[in-house]
Amino acid sequence: MTRNTLDLSAVPVLKKLTHLPVFVDPSHGVGSWEYVEPMSKAAVAVGADGLMIEVHSNPEEAFSDGAQSLLPKKFEKLMKAIRPIAKATDREI
């Protein structure tokens, strides 16, 4: 069902080992647009400093990565849903 395994346990480990910001790419990590939202929320909950998310206005016609791309409206909805999660972990987006 998923192309790859998105190992979110690496986020707190990396945050402990480095001073650099930790970004998560849920789009490539799961390979399907329908799983990008829950994995994005989980990434923020475990401390990710940023997300890399594929967005395309017409994923069916994308040259690449269309299957994992969110429509702009879904991306907007996701960003609104992530804010309370970030706030609950003492961060803001």
PDB file of N, CA and C in Angstrom:
ATOM      1  N   MET A   1       0.805  -1.206   0.000  1.00  0.00           N
ATOM      2  CA  MET A   1       0.000   0.000   0.000  1.00  0.00           C
ATOM      3  C   MET A   1       0.848   1.270   0.000  1.00  0.00           C
ATOM      4  N   THR A   2       2.029   1.185   0.561  1.00  0.00           N
ATOM      5  CA  THR A   2       2.915   2.355   0.531  1.00  0.00           C
ATOM      6  C   THR A   2       4.197   1.986  -0.194  1.00  0.00           C
ATOM      7  N   ARG A   3       4.732   2.944  -0.856  1.00  0.00           N
ATOM      8  CA  ARG A   3       5.939   2.700  -1.645  1.00  0.00           C
ATOM      9  C   ARG A   3       7.155   2.517  -0.747  1.00  0.00           C
ATOM     10  N   ASN A   4       7.240   3.311   0.263  1.00  0.00           N
ATOM     11  CA  ASN A   4       8.386   3.300   1.168  1.00  0.00           C
ATOM     12  C   ASN A   4       7.888   3.334   2.604  1.00  0.00           C
ATOM     13  N   THR A   5       8.801   3.208   3.521  1.00  0.00           N
ATOM     14  CA  THR A   5       8.468   3.355   4.938  1.00  0.00           C
ATOM     15  C   THR A   5       8.979   4.707   5.400  1.00  0.00           C
ATOM     16  N   LEU A   6       8.103   5.512   5.936  1.00  0.00           N
ATOM     17  CA  LEU A   6       8.485   6.827   6.448  1.00  0.00           C
ATOM     18  C   LEU A   6       8.787   6.682   7.934  1.00  0.00           C
ATOM     19  N   ASP A   7      10.053   6.615   8.260  1.00  0.00           N
ATOM     20  CA  ASP A   7      10.493   6.361   9.635  1.00  0.00           C
ATOM     21  C   ASP A   7      10.510   7.660  10.435  1.00  0.00           C
ATOM     22  N   LEU A   8       9.402   7.954  11.070  1.00  0.00           N
ATOM     23  CA  LEU A   8       9.301   9.195  11.839  1.00  0.00           C
ATOM     24  C   LEU A   8      10.060   9.133  13.164  1.00  0.00           C
ATOM     25  N   SER A   9      10.469   7.949  13.574  1.00  0.00           N
ATOM     26  CA  SER A   9      11.268   7.869  14.801  1.00  0.00           C
ATOM     27  C   SER A   9      12.636   8.506  14.608  1.00  0.00           C
ATOM     28  N   ALA A  10      13.028   8.714  13.364  1.00  0.00           N
ATOM     29  CA  ALA A  10      14.313   9.366  13.090  1.00  0.00           C
ATOM     30  C   ALA A  10      14.283  10.854  13.438  1.00  0.00           C
ATOM     31  N   VAL A  11      13.105  11.459  13.444  1.00  0.00           N
ATOM     32  CA  VAL A  11      13.010  12.912  13.695  1.00  0.00           C
ATOM     33  C   VAL A  11      13.556  13.292  15.071  1.00  0.00           C
ATOM     34  N   PRO A  12      13.059  12.722  16.170  1.00  0.00           N
ATOM     35  CA  PRO A  12      13.618  13.120  17.466  1.00  0.00           C
ATOM     36  C   PRO A  12      15.085  12.726  17.636  1.00  0.00           C
ATOM     37  N   VAL A  13      15.491  11.633  16.988  1.00  0.00           N
ATOM     38  CA  VAL A  13      16.900  11.236  17.055  1.00  0.00           C
ATOM     39  C   VAL A  13      17.768  12.303  16.391  1.00  0.00           C
ATOM     40  N   LEU A  14      17.382  12.727  15.195  1.00  0.00           N
ATOM     41  CA  LEU A  14      18.150  13.757  14.485  1.00  0.00           C
ATOM     42  C   LEU A  14      18.150  15.077  15.234  1.00  0.00           C
ATOM     43  N   LYS A  15      17.030  15.427  15.843  1.00  0.00           N
ATOM     44  CA  LYS A  15      16.962  16.684  16.598  1.00  0.00           C
ATOM     45  C   LYS A  15      17.912  16.650  17.793  1.00  0.00           C
ATOM     46  N   LYS A  16      18.108  15.458  18.344  1.00  0.00           N
ATOM     47  CA  LYS A  16      19.035  15.324  19.466  1.00  0.00           C
ATOM     48  C   LYS A  16      20.492  15.384  18.998  1.00  0.00           C
ATOM     49  N   LEU A  17      20.760  14.848  17.809  1.00  0.00           N
ATOM     50  CA  LEU A  17      22.128  14.726  17.329  1.00  0.00           C
ATOM     51  C   LEU A  17      22.668  15.947  16.580  1.00  0.00           C
ATOM     52  N   THR A  18      21.782  16.847  16.164  1.00  0.00           N
ATOM     53  CA  THR A  18      22.242  17.972  15.357  1.00  0.00           C
ATOM     54  C   THR A  18      21.519  19.255  15.744  1.00  0.00           C
ATOM     55  N   HIS A  19      22.135  20.366  15.432  1.00  0.00           N
ATOM     56  CA  HIS A  19      21.506  21.665  15.647  1.00  0.00           C
ATOM     57  C   HIS A  19      20.696  22.093  14.422  1.00  0.00           C
ATOM     58  N   LEU A  20      20.772  21.309  13.351  1.00  0.00           N
ATOM     59  CA  LEU A  20      20.117  21.670  12.102  1.00  0.00           C
ATOM     60  C   LEU A  20      18.618  21.375  12.139  1.00  0.00           C
ATOM     61  N   PRO A  21      17.832  22.111  11.368  1.00  0.00           N
ATOM     62  CA  PRO A  21      16.402  21.804  11.296  1.00  0.00           C
ATOM     63  C   PRO A  21      16.182  20.468  10.597  1.00  0.00           C
ATOM     64  N   VAL A  22      15.146  19.783  11.008  1.00  0.00           N
ATOM     65  CA  VAL A  22      14.823  18.467  10.451  1.00  0.00           C
ATOM     66  C   VAL A  22      13.537  18.588   9.632  1.00  0.00           C
ATOM     67  N   PHE A  23      13.642  18.249   8.354  1.00  0.00           N
ATOM     68  CA  PHE A  23      12.494  18.286   7.453  1.00  0.00           C
ATOM     69  C   PHE A  23      12.077  16.863   7.096  1.00  0.00           C
ATOM     70  N   VAL A  24      10.788  16.680   6.891  1.00  0.00           N
ATOM     71  CA  VAL A  24      10.238  15.380   6.508  1.00  0.00           C
ATOM     72  C   VAL A  24       9.530  15.539   5.167  1.00  0.00           C
ATOM     73  N   ASP A  25       9.675  14.532   4.317  1.00  0.00           N
ATOM     74  CA  ASP A  25       9.044  14.519   3.000  1.00  0.00           C
ATOM     75  C   ASP A  25       7.989  13.419   2.964  1.00  0.00           C
ATOM     76  N   PRO A  26       6.786  13.713   3.472  1.00  0.00           N
ATOM     77  CA  PRO A  26       5.754  12.671   3.493  1.00  0.00           C
ATOM     78  C   PRO A  26       5.283  12.270   2.096  1.00  0.00           C
ATOM     79  N   SER A  27       5.370  13.161   1.125  1.00  0.00           N
ATOM     80  CA  SER A  27       4.927  12.829  -0.233  1.00  0.00           C
ATOM     81  C   SER A  27       5.730  11.657  -0.795  1.00  0.00           C
ATOM     82  N   HIS A  28       7.062  11.761  -0.755  1.00  0.00           N
ATOM     83  CA  HIS A  28       7.901  10.681  -1.254  1.00  0.00           C
ATOM     84  C   HIS A  28       7.929   9.503  -0.280  1.00  0.00           C
ATOM     85  N   GLY A  29       7.747   9.786   0.982  1.00  0.00           N
ATOM     86  CA  GLY A  29       7.782   8.724   1.980  1.00  0.00           C
ATOM     87  C   GLY A  29       6.652   7.731   1.847  1.00  0.00           C
ATOM     88  N   VAL A  30       5.484   8.190   1.398  1.00  0.00           N
ATOM     89  CA  VAL A  30       4.336   7.290   1.281  1.00  0.00           C
ATOM     90  C   VAL A  30       3.938   7.018  -0.160  1.00  0.00           C
ATOM     91  N   GLY A  31       4.195   7.946  -1.067  1.00  0.00           N
ATOM     92  CA  GLY A  31       3.957   7.719  -2.483  1.00  0.00           C
ATOM     93  C   GLY A  31       2.528   7.825  -2.956  1.00  0.00           C
ATOM     94  N   SER A  32       1.604   8.153  -2.075  1.00  0.00           N
ATOM     95  CA  SER A  32       0.195   8.269  -2.445  1.00  0.00           C
ATOM     96  C   SER A  32      -0.429   9.455  -1.718  1.00  0.00           C
ATOM     97  N   TRP A  33      -1.111  10.314  -2.464  1.00  0.00           N
ATOM     98  CA  TRP A  33      -1.641  11.552  -1.888  1.00  0.00           C
ATOM     99  C   TRP A  33      -2.530  11.314  -0.676  1.00  0.00           C
ATOM    100  N   GLU A  34      -3.251  10.201  -0.630  1.00  0.00           N
ATOM    101  CA  GLU A  34      -4.207   9.991   0.459  1.00  0.00           C
ATOM    102  C   GLU A  34      -3.542   9.750   1.814  1.00  0.00           C
ATOM    103  N   TYR A  35      -2.250   9.424   1.819  1.00  0.00           N
ATOM    104  CA  TYR A  35      -1.541   9.198   3.079  1.00  0.00           C
ATOM    105  C   TYR A  35      -0.657  10.372   3.482  1.00  0.00           C
ATOM    106  N   VAL A  36      -0.568  11.370   2.623  1.00  0.00           N
ATOM    107  CA  VAL A  36       0.293  12.517   2.916  1.00  0.00           C
ATOM    108  C   VAL A  36      -0.213  13.283   4.138  1.00  0.00           C
ATOM    109  N   GLU A  37      -1.511  13.492   4.244  1.00  0.00           N
ATOM    110  CA  GLU A  37      -2.042  14.267   5.371  1.00  0.00           C
ATOM    111  C   GLU A  37      -1.766  13.615   6.726  1.00  0.00           C
ATOM    112  N   PRO A  38      -2.117  12.336   6.946  1.00  0.00           N
ATOM    113  CA  PRO A  38      -1.851  11.778   8.278  1.00  0.00           C
ATOM    114  C   PRO A  38      -0.366  11.714   8.620  1.00  0.00           C
ATOM    115  N   MET A  39       0.479  11.450   7.620  1.00  0.00           N
ATOM    116  CA  MET A  39       1.911  11.380   7.909  1.00  0.00           C
ATOM    117  C   MET A  39       2.507  12.769   8.145  1.00  0.00           C
ATOM    118  N   SER A  40       1.953  13.778   7.498  1.00  0.00           N
ATOM    119  CA  SER A  40       2.393  15.153   7.755  1.00  0.00           C
ATOM    120  C   SER A  40       2.062  15.554   9.186  1.00  0.00           C
ATOM    121  N   LYS A  41       0.860  15.226   9.610  1.00  0.00           N
ATOM    122  CA  LYS A  41       0.453  15.534  10.987  1.00  0.00           C
ATOM    123  C   LYS A  41       1.347  14.811  11.985  1.00  0.00           C
ATOM    124  N   ALA A  42       1.637  13.558  11.705  1.00  0.00           N
ATOM    125  CA  ALA A  42       2.494  12.783  12.597  1.00  0.00           C
ATOM    126  C   ALA A  42       3.907  13.358  12.639  1.00  0.00           C
ATOM    127  N   ALA A  43       4.409  13.797  11.494  1.00  0.00           N
ATOM    128  CA  ALA A  43       5.751  14.378  11.437  1.00  0.00           C
ATOM    129  C   ALA A  43       5.845  15.634  12.300  1.00  0.00           C
ATOM    130  N   VAL A  44       4.841  16.468  12.224  1.00  0.00           N
ATOM    131  CA  VAL A  44       4.825  17.680  13.053  1.00  0.00           C
ATOM    132  C   VAL A  44       4.727  17.298  14.527  1.00  0.00           C
ATOM    133  N   ALA A  45       3.911  16.299  14.835  1.00  0.00           N
ATOM    134  CA  ALA A  45       3.735  15.877  16.229  1.00  0.00           C
ATOM    135  C   ALA A  45       5.033  15.364  16.846  1.00  0.00           C
ATOM    136  N   VAL A  46       5.892  14.714  16.050  1.00  0.00           N
ATOM    137  CA  VAL A  46       7.149  14.197  16.606  1.00  0.00           C
ATOM    138  C   VAL A  46       8.280  15.209  16.558  1.00  0.00           C
ATOM    139  N   GLY A  47       7.997  16.424  16.031  1.00  0.00           N
ATOM    140  CA  GLY A  47       8.994  17.485  16.127  1.00  0.00           C
ATOM    141  C   GLY A  47       9.620  17.969  14.836  1.00  0.00           C
ATOM    142  N   ALA A  48       9.130  17.540  13.681  1.00  0.00           N
ATOM    143  CA  ALA A  48       9.703  18.013  12.422  1.00  0.00           C
ATOM    144  C   ALA A  48       9.638  19.533  12.350  1.00  0.00           C
ATOM    145  N   ASP A  49      10.699  20.131  11.853  1.00  0.00           N
ATOM    146  CA  ASP A  49      10.761  21.587  11.712  1.00  0.00           C
ATOM    147  C   ASP A  49      10.124  22.063  10.413  1.00  0.00           C
ATOM    148  N   GLY A  50       9.959  21.163   9.469  1.00  0.00           N
ATOM    149  CA  GLY A  50       9.363  21.535   8.195  1.00  0.00           C
ATOM    150  C   GLY A  50       8.944  20.309   7.418  1.00  0.00           C
ATOM    151  N   LEU A  51       8.128  20.544   6.407  1.00  0.00           N
ATOM    152  CA  LEU A  51       7.627  19.478   5.546  1.00  0.00           C
ATOM    153  C   LEU A  51       7.890  19.835   4.097  1.00  0.00           C
ATOM    154  N   MET A  52       8.164  18.821   3.295  1.00  0.00           N
ATOM    155  CA  MET A  52       8.261  18.996   1.843  1.00  0.00           C
ATOM    156  C   MET A  52       7.090  18.212   1.250  1.00  0.00           C
ATOM    157  N   ILE A  53       6.133  18.922   0.673  1.00  0.00           N
ATOM    158  CA  ILE A  53       4.915  18.283   0.192  1.00  0.00           C
ATOM    159  C   ILE A  53       4.702  18.630  -1.274  1.00  0.00           C
ATOM    160  N   GLU A  54       4.467  17.597  -2.077  1.00  0.00           N
ATOM    161  CA  GLU A  54       4.174  17.797  -3.497  1.00  0.00           C
ATOM    162  C   GLU A  54       2.765  18.371  -3.635  1.00  0.00           C
ATOM    163  N   VAL A  55       2.636  19.444  -4.416  1.00  0.00           N
ATOM    164  CA  VAL A  55       1.337  20.067  -4.692  1.00  0.00           C
ATOM    165  C   VAL A  55       1.262  20.328  -6.194  1.00  0.00           C
ATOM    166  N   HIS A  56       0.134  19.974  -6.779  1.00  0.00           N
ATOM    167  CA  HIS A  56      -0.037  20.176  -8.223  1.00  0.00           C
ATOM    168  C   HIS A  56      -1.514  20.442  -8.502  1.00  0.00           C
ATOM    169  N   SER A  57      -1.790  21.397  -9.364  1.00  0.00           N
ATOM    170  CA  SER A  57      -3.183  21.743  -9.682  1.00  0.00           C
ATOM    171  C   SER A  57      -3.862  20.690 -10.563  1.00  0.00           C
ATOM    172  N   ASN A  58      -3.091  19.848 -11.220  1.00  0.00           N
ATOM    173  CA  ASN A  58      -3.648  18.775 -12.040  1.00  0.00           C
ATOM    174  C   ASN A  58      -2.714  17.567 -11.971  1.00  0.00           C
ATOM    175  N   PRO A  59      -2.753  16.822 -10.863  1.00  0.00           N
ATOM    176  CA  PRO A  59      -1.802  15.729 -10.649  1.00  0.00           C
ATOM    177  C   PRO A  59      -1.799  14.681 -11.761  1.00  0.00           C
ATOM    178  N   GLU A  60      -2.940  14.468 -12.403  1.00  0.00           N
ATOM    179  CA  GLU A  60      -3.019  13.465 -13.465  1.00  0.00           C
ATOM    180  C   GLU A  60      -2.123  13.821 -14.650  1.00  0.00           C
ATOM    181  N   GLU A  61      -1.826  15.096 -14.807  1.00  0.00           N
ATOM    182  CA  GLU A  61      -0.996  15.540 -15.914  1.00  0.00           C
ATOM    183  C   GLU A  61       0.418  15.940 -15.495  1.00  0.00           C
ATOM    184  N   ALA A  62       0.764  15.696 -14.235  1.00  0.00           N
ATOM    185  CA  ALA A  62       2.109  16.040 -13.751  1.00  0.00           C
ATOM    186  C   ALA A  62       3.157  15.197 -14.467  1.00  0.00           C
ATOM    187  N   PHE A  63       4.307  15.807 -14.767  1.00  0.00           N
ATOM    188  CA  PHE A  63       5.394  15.072 -15.413  1.00  0.00           C
ATOM    189  C   PHE A  63       5.938  13.979 -14.498  1.00  0.00           C
ATOM    190  N   SER A  64       5.906  14.231 -13.196  1.00  0.00           N
ATOM    191  CA  SER A  64       6.345  13.222 -12.229  1.00  0.00           C
ATOM    192  C   SER A  64       5.624  13.463 -10.904  1.00  0.00           C
ATOM    193  N   ASP A  65       5.570  12.450 -10.099  1.00  0.00           N
ATOM    194  CA  ASP A  65       5.053  12.519  -8.722  1.00  0.00           C
ATOM    195  C   ASP A  65       3.580  12.896  -8.619  1.00  0.00           C
ATOM    196  N   GLY A  66       2.815  12.742  -9.669  1.00  0.00           N
ATOM    197  CA  GLY A  66       1.397  13.082  -9.622  1.00  0.00           C
ATOM    198  C   GLY A  66       0.619  12.278  -8.600  1.00  0.00           C
ATOM    199  N   ALA A  67       0.950  11.003  -8.456  1.00  0.00           N
ATOM    200  CA  ALA A  67       0.213  10.135  -7.532  1.00  0.00           C
ATOM    201  C   ALA A  67       0.347  10.566  -6.073  1.00  0.00           C
ATOM    202  N   GLN A  68       1.415  11.277  -5.761  1.00  0.00           N
ATOM    203  CA  GLN A  68       1.641  11.697  -4.375  1.00  0.00           C
ATOM    204  C   GLN A  68       1.398  13.191  -4.176  1.00  0.00           C
ATOM    205  N   SER A  69       0.873  13.852  -5.185  1.00  0.00           N
ATOM    206  CA  SER A  69       0.662  15.301  -5.115  1.00  0.00           C
ATOM    207  C   SER A  69      -0.717  15.644  -4.576  1.00  0.00           C
ATOM    208  N   LEU A  70      -0.737  16.630  -3.700  1.00  0.00           N
ATOM    209  CA  LEU A  70      -2.006  17.148  -3.191  1.00  0.00           C
ATOM    210  C   LEU A  70      -2.512  18.248  -4.110  1.00  0.00           C
ATOM    211  N   LEU A  71      -3.811  18.322  -4.235  1.00  0.00           N
ATOM    212  CA  LEU A  71      -4.414  19.469  -4.907  1.00  0.00           C
ATOM    213  C   LEU A  71      -4.221  20.693  -4.008  1.00  0.00           C
ATOM    214  N   PRO A  72      -4.135  21.894  -4.561  1.00  0.00           N
ATOM    215  CA  PRO A  72      -3.924  23.088  -3.734  1.00  0.00           C
ATOM    216  C   PRO A  72      -4.928  23.237  -2.587  1.00  0.00           C
ATOM    217  N   LYS A  73      -6.190  22.916  -2.813  1.00  0.00           N
ATOM    218  CA  LYS A  73      -7.200  23.038  -1.743  1.00  0.00           C
ATOM    219  C   LYS A  73      -6.930  22.052  -0.613  1.00  0.00           C
ATOM    220  N   LYS A  74      -6.507  20.843  -0.950  1.00  0.00           N
ATOM    221  CA  LYS A  74      -6.174  19.856   0.080  1.00  0.00           C
ATOM    222  C   LYS A  74      -4.935  20.300   0.867  1.00  0.00           C
ATOM    223  N   PHE A  75      -3.986  20.912   0.164  1.00  0.00           N
ATOM    224  CA  PHE A  75      -2.793  21.426   0.833  1.00  0.00           C
ATOM    225  C   PHE A  75      -3.166  22.536   1.813  1.00  0.00           C
ATOM    226  N   GLU A  76      -4.031  23.434   1.386  1.00  0.00           N
ATOM    227  CA  GLU A  76      -4.490  24.519   2.259  1.00  0.00           C
ATOM    228  C   GLU A  76      -5.179  23.956   3.501  1.00  0.00           C
ATOM    229  N   LYS A  77      -6.022  22.953   3.308  1.00  0.00           N
ATOM    230  CA  LYS A  77      -6.713  22.314   4.433  1.00  0.00           C
ATOM    231  C   LYS A  77      -5.704  21.665   5.380  1.00  0.00           C
ATOM    232  N   LEU A  78      -4.704  21.007   4.814  1.00  0.00           N
ATOM    233  CA  LEU A  78      -3.675  20.364   5.627  1.00  0.00           C
ATOM    234  C   LEU A  78      -2.911  21.378   6.470  1.00  0.00           C
ATOM    235  N   MET A  79      -2.544  22.493   5.878  1.00  0.00           N
ATOM    236  CA  MET A  79      -1.798  23.505   6.622  1.00  0.00           C
ATOM    237  C   MET A  79      -2.611  24.040   7.796  1.00  0.00           C
ATOM    238  N   LYS A  80      -3.907  24.198   7.595  1.00  0.00           N
ATOM    239  CA  LYS A  80      -4.768  24.641   8.701  1.00  0.00           C
ATOM    240  C   LYS A  80      -4.857  23.574   9.789  1.00  0.00           C
ATOM    241  N   ALA A  81      -4.887  22.319   9.396  1.00  0.00           N
ATOM    242  CA  ALA A  81      -4.992  21.225  10.367  1.00  0.00           C
ATOM    243  C   ALA A  81      -3.705  21.018  11.157  1.00  0.00           C
ATOM    244  N   ILE A  82      -2.584  21.398  10.576  1.00  0.00           N
ATOM    245  CA  ILE A  82      -1.290  21.202  11.235  1.00  0.00           C
ATOM    246  C   ILE A  82      -1.030  22.238  12.327  1.00  0.00           C
ATOM    247  N   ARG A  83      -1.572  23.422  12.171  1.00  0.00           N
ATOM    248  CA  ARG A  83      -1.297  24.496  13.149  1.00  0.00           C
ATOM    249  C   ARG A  83      -1.591  24.098  14.595  1.00  0.00           C
ATOM    250  N   PRO A  84      -2.752  23.511  14.896  1.00  0.00           N
ATOM    251  CA  PRO A  84      -2.998  23.130  16.294  1.00  0.00           C
ATOM    252  C   PRO A  84      -2.043  22.056  16.809  1.00  0.00           C
ATOM    253  N   ILE A  85      -1.584  21.198  15.919  1.00  0.00           N
ATOM    254  CA  ILE A  85      -0.622  20.152  16.335  1.00  0.00           C
ATOM    255  C   ILE A  85       0.703  20.818  16.702  1.00  0.00           C
ATOM    256  N   ALA A  86       1.141  21.743  15.872  1.00  0.00           N
ATOM    257  CA  ALA A  86       2.387  22.463  16.174  1.00  0.00           C
ATOM    258  C   ALA A  86       2.250  23.245  17.481  1.00  0.00           C
ATOM    259  N   LYS A  87       1.118  23.887  17.657  1.00  0.00           N
ATOM    260  CA  LYS A  87       0.898  24.675  18.883  1.00  0.00           C
ATOM    261  C   LYS A  87       0.898  23.766  20.108  1.00  0.00           C
ATOM    262  N   ALA A  88       0.342  22.572  19.986  1.00  0.00           N
ATOM    263  CA  ALA A  88       0.298  21.627  21.110  1.00  0.00           C
ATOM    264  C   ALA A  88       1.688  21.162  21.503  1.00  0.00           C
ATOM    265  N   THR A  89       2.635  21.281  20.582  1.00  0.00           N
ATOM    266  CA  THR A  89       4.015  20.897  20.864  1.00  0.00           C
ATOM    267  C   THR A  89       4.914  22.119  21.045  1.00  0.00           C
ATOM    268  N   ASP A  90       4.292  23.245  21.398  1.00  0.00           N
ATOM    269  CA  ASP A  90       4.997  24.496  21.690  1.00  0.00           C
ATOM    270  C   ASP A  90       5.762  25.056  20.498  1.00  0.00           C
ATOM    271  N   ARG A  91       5.205  24.872  19.293  1.00  0.00           N
ATOM    272  CA  ARG A  91       5.804  25.429  18.081  1.00  0.00           C
ATOM    273  C   ARG A  91       4.704  26.090  17.261  1.00  0.00           C
ATOM    274  N   GLU A  92       5.108  26.898  16.312  1.00  0.00           N
ATOM    275  CA  GLU A  92       4.141  27.545  15.432  1.00  0.00           C
ATOM    276  C   GLU A  92       4.543  27.322  13.988  1.00  0.00           C
ATOM    277  N   ILE A  93       3.538  27.280  13.136  1.00  0.00           N
ATOM    278  CA  ILE A  93       3.786  27.128  11.694  1.00  0.00           C
ATOM    279  C   ILE A  93       3.135  28.290  10.992  1.00  0.00           C
TER     280      ILE A  93
END
